[in-house]
Amino acid sequence: MKKNIGLTDRVLRILVAVAITILYFTHQISGTTAILLGALAILFAVTSLISFCPLYWSIGISTRNKTISYDTRN
């Protein structure tokens, strides 16, 4: 798996996952909504930790910064 999630994207995904978790444990969300958002939170947390998003990969998106190559070979 080639990493395709940049730092900003990773931080936002973690923040969303934490927000959903807080909403669940403070009983602001429940039932089907809690299940769906909980699954989304888990997905966001896992993709953030491994820096790879299958959806991004399937449509050719990468939010990672491109590294500059300092290769001196011609």
PDB file of N, CA and C in Angstrom:
ATOM      1  N   MET A   1       0.831  -1.179   0.000  1.00  0.00           N
ATOM      2  CA  MET A   1       0.000   0.000   0.000  1.00  0.00           C
ATOM      3  C   MET A   1       0.873   1.239   0.000  1.00  0.00           C
ATOM      4  N   LYS A   2       0.651   2.078  -0.958  1.00  0.00           N
ATOM      5  CA  LYS A   2       1.378   3.333  -1.036  1.00  0.00           C
ATOM      6  C   LYS A   2       0.600   4.385  -0.247  1.00  0.00           C
ATOM      7  N   LYS A   3       1.267   5.058   0.656  1.00  0.00           N
ATOM      8  CA  LYS A   3       0.605   6.060   1.491  1.00  0.00           C
ATOM      9  C   LYS A   3       0.037   7.179   0.619  1.00  0.00           C
ATOM     10  N   ASN A   4      -1.205   7.581   0.909  1.00  0.00           N
ATOM     11  CA  ASN A   4      -1.835   8.628   0.110  1.00  0.00           C
ATOM     12  C   ASN A   4      -2.598   9.641   0.961  1.00  0.00           C
ATOM     13  N   ILE A   5      -2.341   9.670   2.261  1.00  0.00           N
ATOM     14  CA  ILE A   5      -3.002  10.633   3.146  1.00  0.00           C
ATOM     15  C   ILE A   5      -1.939  11.510   3.785  1.00  0.00           C
ATOM     16  N   GLY A   6      -2.074  12.812   3.612  1.00  0.00           N
ATOM     17  CA  GLY A   6      -1.134  13.771   4.175  1.00  0.00           C
ATOM     18  C   GLY A   6      -1.421  14.083   5.632  1.00  0.00           C
ATOM     19  N   LEU A   7      -0.555  14.864   6.246  1.00  0.00           N
ATOM     20  CA  LEU A   7      -0.644  15.185   7.666  1.00  0.00           C
ATOM     21  C   LEU A   7      -1.941  15.911   8.005  1.00  0.00           C
ATOM     22  N   THR A   8      -2.294  16.922   7.252  1.00  0.00           N
ATOM     23  CA  THR A   8      -3.517  17.675   7.532  1.00  0.00           C
ATOM     24  C   THR A   8      -4.740  16.774   7.449  1.00  0.00           C
ATOM     25  N   ASP A   9      -4.797  15.939   6.441  1.00  0.00           N
ATOM     26  CA  ASP A   9      -5.897  15.002   6.265  1.00  0.00           C
ATOM     27  C   ASP A   9      -5.967  14.030   7.442  1.00  0.00           C
ATOM     28  N   ARG A  10      -4.821  13.543   7.870  1.00  0.00           N
ATOM     29  CA  ARG A  10      -4.775  12.607   8.999  1.00  0.00           C
ATOM     30  C   ARG A  10      -5.294  13.262  10.274  1.00  0.00           C
ATOM     31  N   VAL A  11      -4.857  14.488  10.531  1.00  0.00           N
ATOM     32  CA  VAL A  11      -5.283  15.197  11.739  1.00  0.00           C
ATOM     33  C   VAL A  11      -6.793  15.433  11.708  1.00  0.00           C
ATOM     34  N   LEU A  12      -7.318  15.852  10.569  1.00  0.00           N
ATOM     35  CA  LEU A  12      -8.761  16.086  10.460  1.00  0.00           C
ATOM     36  C   LEU A  12      -9.551  14.801  10.678  1.00  0.00           C
ATOM     37  N   ARG A  13      -9.078  13.700  10.138  1.00  0.00           N
ATOM     38  CA  ARG A  13      -9.761  12.422  10.323  1.00  0.00           C
ATOM     39  C   ARG A  13      -9.778  12.011  11.797  1.00  0.00           C
ATOM     40  N   ILE A  14      -8.668  12.198  12.487  1.00  0.00           N
ATOM     41  CA  ILE A  14      -8.605  11.868  13.912  1.00  0.00           C
ATOM     42  C   ILE A  14      -9.538  12.773  14.708  1.00  0.00           C
ATOM     43  N   LEU A  15      -9.554  14.055  14.379  1.00  0.00           N
ATOM     44  CA  LEU A  15     -10.442  14.983  15.091  1.00  0.00           C
ATOM     45  C   LEU A  15     -11.912  14.616  14.899  1.00  0.00           C
ATOM     46  N   VAL A  16     -12.294  14.231  13.690  1.00  0.00           N
ATOM     47  CA  VAL A  16     -13.670  13.806  13.432  1.00  0.00           C
ATOM     48  C   VAL A  16     -13.988  12.541  14.221  1.00  0.00           C
ATOM     49  N   ALA A  17     -13.071  11.596  14.238  1.00  0.00           N
ATOM     50  CA  ALA A  17     -13.276  10.353  14.980  1.00  0.00           C
ATOM     51  C   ALA A  17     -13.430  10.629  16.475  1.00  0.00           C
ATOM     52  N   VAL A  18     -12.613  11.514  17.003  1.00  0.00           N
ATOM     53  CA  VAL A  18     -12.703  11.873  18.425  1.00  0.00           C
ATOM     54  C   VAL A  18     -14.030  12.576  18.710  1.00  0.00           C
ATOM     55  N   ALA A  19     -14.437  13.477  17.826  1.00  0.00           N
ATOM     56  CA  ALA A  19     -15.705  14.191  18.009  1.00  0.00           C
ATOM     57  C   ALA A  19     -16.885  13.220  18.023  1.00  0.00           C
ATOM     58  N   ILE A  20     -16.887  12.265  17.112  1.00  0.00           N
ATOM     59  CA  ILE A  20     -17.960  11.269  17.077  1.00  0.00           C
ATOM     60  C   ILE A  20     -17.955  10.436  18.350  1.00  0.00           C
ATOM     61  N   THR A  21     -16.779  10.063  18.818  1.00  0.00           N
ATOM     62  CA  THR A  21     -16.661   9.282  20.053  1.00  0.00           C
ATOM     63  C   THR A  21     -17.208  10.063  21.243  1.00  0.00           C
ATOM     64  N   ILE A  22     -16.864  11.335  21.316  1.00  0.00           N
ATOM     65  CA  ILE A  22     -17.369  12.186  22.403  1.00  0.00           C
ATOM     66  C   ILE A  22     -18.891  12.294  22.330  1.00  0.00           C
ATOM     67  N   LEU A  23     -19.431  12.503  21.136  1.00  0.00           N
ATOM     68  CA  LEU A  23     -20.883  12.580  20.977  1.00  0.00           C
ATOM     69  C   LEU A  23     -21.561  11.295  21.434  1.00  0.00           C
ATOM     70  N   TYR A  24     -20.960  10.163  21.127  1.00  0.00           N
ATOM     71  CA  TYR A  24     -21.539   8.879  21.533  1.00  0.00           C
ATOM     72  C   TYR A  24     -21.527   8.717  23.057  1.00  0.00           C
ATOM     73  N   PHE A  25     -20.385   8.973  23.670  1.00  0.00           N
ATOM     74  CA  PHE A  25     -20.279   8.752  25.112  1.00  0.00           C
ATOM     75  C   PHE A  25     -21.000   9.803  25.947  1.00  0.00           C
ATOM     76  N   THR A  26     -21.356  10.930  25.351  1.00  0.00           N
ATOM     77  CA  THR A  26     -22.167  11.929  26.057  1.00  0.00           C
ATOM     78  C   THR A  26     -23.644  11.765  25.699  1.00  0.00           C
ATOM     79  N   HIS A  27     -23.965  10.677  25.008  1.00  0.00           N
ATOM     80  CA  HIS A  27     -25.346  10.316  24.648  1.00  0.00           C
ATOM     81  C   HIS A  27     -26.030  11.357  23.757  1.00  0.00           C
ATOM     82  N   GLN A  28     -25.251  12.042  22.934  1.00  0.00           N
ATOM     83  CA  GLN A  28     -25.810  12.992  21.979  1.00  0.00           C
ATOM     84  C   GLN A  28     -26.289  12.278  20.717  1.00  0.00           C
ATOM     85  N   ILE A  29     -25.708  11.121  20.432  1.00  0.00           N
ATOM     86  CA  ILE A  29     -26.140  10.302  19.306  1.00  0.00           C
ATOM     87  C   ILE A  29     -26.433   8.901  19.818  1.00  0.00           C
ATOM     88  N   SER A  30     -27.401   8.249  19.190  1.00  0.00           N
ATOM     89  CA  SER A  30     -27.752   6.893  19.606  1.00  0.00           C
ATOM     90  C   SER A  30     -28.419   6.168  18.444  1.00  0.00           C
ATOM     91  N   GLY A  31     -28.662   4.905  18.638  1.00  0.00           N
ATOM     92  CA  GLY A  31     -29.356   4.107  17.632  1.00  0.00           C
ATOM     93  C   GLY A  31     -28.567   3.937  16.344  1.00  0.00           C
ATOM     94  N   THR A  32     -29.297   3.977  15.243  1.00  0.00           N
ATOM     95  CA  THR A  32     -28.693   3.783  13.923  1.00  0.00           C
ATOM     96  C   THR A  32     -27.652   4.851  13.618  1.00  0.00           C
ATOM     97  N   THR A  33     -27.936   6.065  14.012  1.00  0.00           N
ATOM     98  CA  THR A  33     -26.987   7.161  13.785  1.00  0.00           C
ATOM     99  C   THR A  33     -25.663   6.876  14.479  1.00  0.00           C
ATOM    100  N   ALA A  34     -25.739   6.395  15.700  1.00  0.00           N
ATOM    101  CA  ALA A  34     -24.526   6.082  16.459  1.00  0.00           C
ATOM    102  C   ALA A  34     -23.746   4.954  15.791  1.00  0.00           C
ATOM    103  N   ILE A  35     -24.455   3.960  15.295  1.00  0.00           N
ATOM    104  CA  ILE A  35     -23.781   2.838  14.635  1.00  0.00           C
ATOM    105  C   ILE A  35     -23.080   3.307  13.363  1.00  0.00           C
ATOM    106  N   LEU A  36     -23.787   4.079  12.542  1.00  0.00           N
ATOM    107  CA  LEU A  36     -23.191   4.557  11.283  1.00  0.00           C
ATOM    108  C   LEU A  36     -22.021   5.498  11.533  1.00  0.00           C
ATOM    109  N   LEU A  37     -22.201   6.442  12.443  1.00  0.00           N
ATOM    110  CA  LEU A  37     -21.108   7.373  12.736  1.00  0.00           C
ATOM    111  C   LEU A  37     -19.954   6.673  13.446  1.00  0.00           C
ATOM    112  N   GLY A  38     -20.266   5.666  14.257  1.00  0.00           N
ATOM    113  CA  GLY A  38     -19.214   4.890  14.910  1.00  0.00           C
ATOM    114  C   GLY A  38     -18.362   4.142  13.894  1.00  0.00           C
ATOM    115  N   ALA A  39     -19.028   3.554  12.893  1.00  0.00           N
ATOM    116  CA  ALA A  39     -18.292   2.866  11.828  1.00  0.00           C
ATOM    117  C   ALA A  39     -17.415   3.858  11.064  1.00  0.00           C
ATOM    118  N   LEU A  40     -17.953   5.034  10.804  1.00  0.00           N
ATOM    119  CA  LEU A  40     -17.184   6.076  10.114  1.00  0.00           C
ATOM    120  C   LEU A  40     -15.985   6.506  10.961  1.00  0.00           C
ATOM    121  N   ALA A  41     -16.189   6.644  12.259  1.00  0.00           N
ATOM    122  CA  ALA A  41     -15.091   7.038  13.156  1.00  0.00           C
ATOM    123  C   ALA A  41     -13.987   5.989  13.151  1.00  0.00           C
ATOM    124  N   ILE A  42     -14.379   4.717  13.189  1.00  0.00           N
ATOM    125  CA  ILE A  42     -13.376   3.642  13.150  1.00  0.00           C
ATOM    126  C   ILE A  42     -12.631   3.674  11.827  1.00  0.00           C
ATOM    127  N   LEU A  43     -13.352   3.843  10.733  1.00  0.00           N
ATOM    128  CA  LEU A  43     -12.731   3.915   9.410  1.00  0.00           C
ATOM    129  C   LEU A  43     -11.759   5.089   9.332  1.00  0.00           C
ATOM    130  N   PHE A  44     -12.178   6.251   9.806  1.00  0.00           N
ATOM    131  CA  PHE A  44     -11.304   7.423   9.791  1.00  0.00           C
ATOM    132  C   PHE A  44     -10.059   7.191  10.644  1.00  0.00           C
ATOM    133  N   ALA A  45     -10.227   6.604  11.823  1.00  0.00           N
ATOM    134  CA  ALA A  45      -9.085   6.371  12.707  1.00  0.00           C
ATOM    135  C   ALA A  45      -8.093   5.398  12.080  1.00  0.00           C
ATOM    136  N   VAL A  46      -8.599   4.303  11.515  1.00  0.00           N
ATOM    137  CA  VAL A  46      -7.708   3.300  10.919  1.00  0.00           C
ATOM    138  C   VAL A  46      -6.978   3.870   9.705  1.00  0.00           C
ATOM    139  N   THR A  47      -7.708   4.533   8.809  1.00  0.00           N
ATOM    140  CA  THR A  47      -7.049   5.088   7.618  1.00  0.00           C
ATOM    141  C   THR A  47      -6.049   6.167   8.005  1.00  0.00           C
ATOM    142  N   SER A  48      -6.336   6.904   9.062  1.00  0.00           N
ATOM    143  CA  SER A  48      -5.395   7.918   9.525  1.00  0.00           C
ATOM    144  C   SER A  48      -4.126   7.281  10.076  1.00  0.00           C
ATOM    145  N   LEU A  49      -4.277   6.207  10.829  1.00  0.00           N
ATOM    146  CA  LEU A  49      -3.113   5.557  11.427  1.00  0.00           C
ATOM    147  C   LEU A  49      -2.226   4.873  10.394  1.00  0.00           C
ATOM    148  N   ILE A  50      -2.818   4.337   9.323  1.00  0.00           N
ATOM    149  CA  ILE A  50      -1.999   3.662   8.312  1.00  0.00           C
ATOM    150  C   ILE A  50      -1.668   4.562   7.123  1.00  0.00           C
ATOM    151  N   SER A  51      -2.200   5.782   7.121  1.00  0.00           N
ATOM    152  CA  SER A  51      -1.943   6.781   6.061  1.00  0.00           C
ATOM    153  C   SER A  51      -2.342   6.294   4.669  1.00  0.00           C
ATOM    154  N   PHE A  52      -3.346   5.466   4.613  1.00  0.00           N
ATOM    155  CA  PHE A  52      -3.806   4.950   3.325  1.00  0.00           C
ATOM    156  C   PHE A  52      -5.329   4.922   3.292  1.00  0.00           C
ATOM    157  N   CYS A  53      -5.896   5.478   2.226  1.00  0.00           N
ATOM    158  CA  CYS A  53      -7.344   5.482   2.044  1.00  0.00           C
ATOM    159  C   CYS A  53      -7.671   4.751   0.741  1.00  0.00           C
ATOM    160  N   PRO A  54      -8.376   3.628   0.819  1.00  0.00           N
ATOM    161  CA  PRO A  54      -8.725   2.884  -0.396  1.00  0.00           C
ATOM    162  C   PRO A  54      -9.570   3.706  -1.373  1.00  0.00           C
ATOM    163  N   LEU A  55     -10.443   4.567  -0.857  1.00  0.00           N
ATOM    164  CA  LEU A  55     -11.254   5.405  -1.742  1.00  0.00           C
ATOM    165  C   LEU A  55     -10.367   6.375  -2.522  1.00  0.00           C
ATOM    166  N   TYR A  56      -9.424   7.026  -1.835  1.00  0.00           N
ATOM    167  CA  TYR A  56      -8.490   7.913  -2.521  1.00  0.00           C
ATOM    168  C   TYR A  56      -7.720   7.144  -3.586  1.00  0.00           C
ATOM    169  N   TRP A  57      -7.259   5.949  -3.215  1.00  0.00           N
ATOM    170  CA  TRP A  57      -6.484   5.124  -4.145  1.00  0.00           C
ATOM    171  C   TRP A  57      -7.299   4.783  -5.387  1.00  0.00           C
ATOM    172  N   SER A  58      -8.568   4.415  -5.196  1.00  0.00           N
ATOM    173  CA  SER A  58      -9.388   3.992  -6.328  1.00  0.00           C
ATOM    174  C   SER A  58      -9.674   5.118  -7.316  1.00  0.00           C
ATOM    175  N   ILE A  59      -9.681   6.367  -6.844  1.00  0.00           N
ATOM    176  CA  ILE A  59      -9.927   7.478  -7.768  1.00  0.00           C
ATOM    177  C   ILE A  59      -8.669   8.303  -8.038  1.00  0.00           C
ATOM    178  N   GLY A  60      -7.536   7.839  -7.547  1.00  0.00           N
ATOM    179  CA  GLY A  60      -6.252   8.460  -7.884  1.00  0.00           C
ATOM    180  C   GLY A  60      -5.936   9.746  -7.152  1.00  0.00           C
ATOM    181  N   ILE A  61      -6.443   9.904  -5.940  1.00  0.00           N
ATOM    182  CA  ILE A  61      -6.189  11.113  -5.156  1.00  0.00           C
ATOM    183  C   ILE A  61      -5.107  10.835  -4.120  1.00  0.00           C
ATOM    184  N   SER A  62      -4.254  11.825  -3.883  1.00  0.00           N
ATOM    185  CA  SER A  62      -3.280  11.757  -2.809  1.00  0.00           C
ATOM    186  C   SER A  62      -3.181  13.131  -2.166  1.00  0.00           C
ATOM    187  N   THR A  63      -3.263  13.190  -0.839  1.00  0.00           N
ATOM    188  CA  THR A  63      -3.119  14.457  -0.138  1.00  0.00           C
ATOM    189  C   THR A  63      -1.739  14.585   0.499  1.00  0.00           C
ATOM    190  N   ARG A  64      -0.875  13.623   0.233  1.00  0.00           N
ATOM    191  CA  ARG A  64       0.493  13.691   0.737  1.00  0.00           C
ATOM    192  C   ARG A  64       1.283  14.718  -0.062  1.00  0.00           C
ATOM    193  N   ASN A  65       2.213  15.368   0.618  1.00  0.00           N
ATOM    194  CA  ASN A  65       3.107  16.297  -0.068  1.00  0.00           C
ATOM    195  C   ASN A  65       4.044  15.513  -0.970  1.00  0.00           C
ATOM    196  N   LYS A  66       4.289  16.040  -2.118  1.00  0.00           N
ATOM    197  CA  LYS A  66       5.253  15.420  -3.025  1.00  0.00           C
ATOM    198  C   LYS A  66       6.649  15.753  -2.522  1.00  0.00           C
ATOM    199  N   THR A  67       7.483  14.739  -2.406  1.00  0.00           N
ATOM    200  CA  THR A  67       8.851  14.983  -1.965  1.00  0.00           C
ATOM    201  C   THR A  67       9.700  15.410  -3.151  1.00  0.00           C
ATOM    202  N   ILE A  68      10.635  16.275  -2.887  1.00  0.00           N
ATOM    203  CA  ILE A  68      11.529  16.761  -3.926  1.00  0.00           C
ATOM    204  C   ILE A  68      12.728  15.831  -3.989  1.00  0.00           C
ATOM    205  N   SER A  69      13.018  15.348  -5.161  1.00  0.00           N
ATOM    206  CA  SER A  69      14.140  14.451  -5.346  1.00  0.00           C
ATOM    207  C   SER A  69      15.397  15.265  -5.620  1.00  0.00           C
ATOM    208  N   TYR A  70      16.430  14.992  -4.867  1.00  0.00           N
ATOM    209  CA  TYR A  70      17.698  15.672  -5.074  1.00  0.00           C
ATOM    210  C   TYR A  70      18.699  14.729  -5.724  1.00  0.00           C
ATOM    211  N   ASP A  71      18.208  13.926  -6.627  1.00  0.00           N
ATOM    212  CA  ASP A  71      19.038  12.965  -7.335  1.00  0.00           C
ATOM    213  C   ASP A  71      19.953  13.717  -8.280  1.00  0.00           C
ATOM    214  N   THR A  72      21.251  13.524  -8.132  1.00  0.00           N
ATOM    215  CA  THR A  72      22.221  14.230  -8.969  1.00  0.00           C
ATOM    216  C   THR A  72      22.592  13.455 -10.221  1.00  0.00           C
ATOM    217  N   ARG A  73      22.057  12.250 -10.349  1.00  0.00           N
ATOM    218  CA  ARG A  73      22.345  11.469 -11.562  1.00  0.00           C
ATOM    219  C   ARG A  73      21.554  12.034 -12.728  1.00  0.00           C
ATOM    220  N   ASN A  74      22.132  12.042 -13.887  1.00  0.00           N
ATOM    221  CA  ASN A  74      21.438  12.559 -15.087  1.00  0.00           C
ATOM    222  C   ASN A  74      20.855  11.452 -15.891  1.00  0.00           C
TER     223      ASN A  74
END
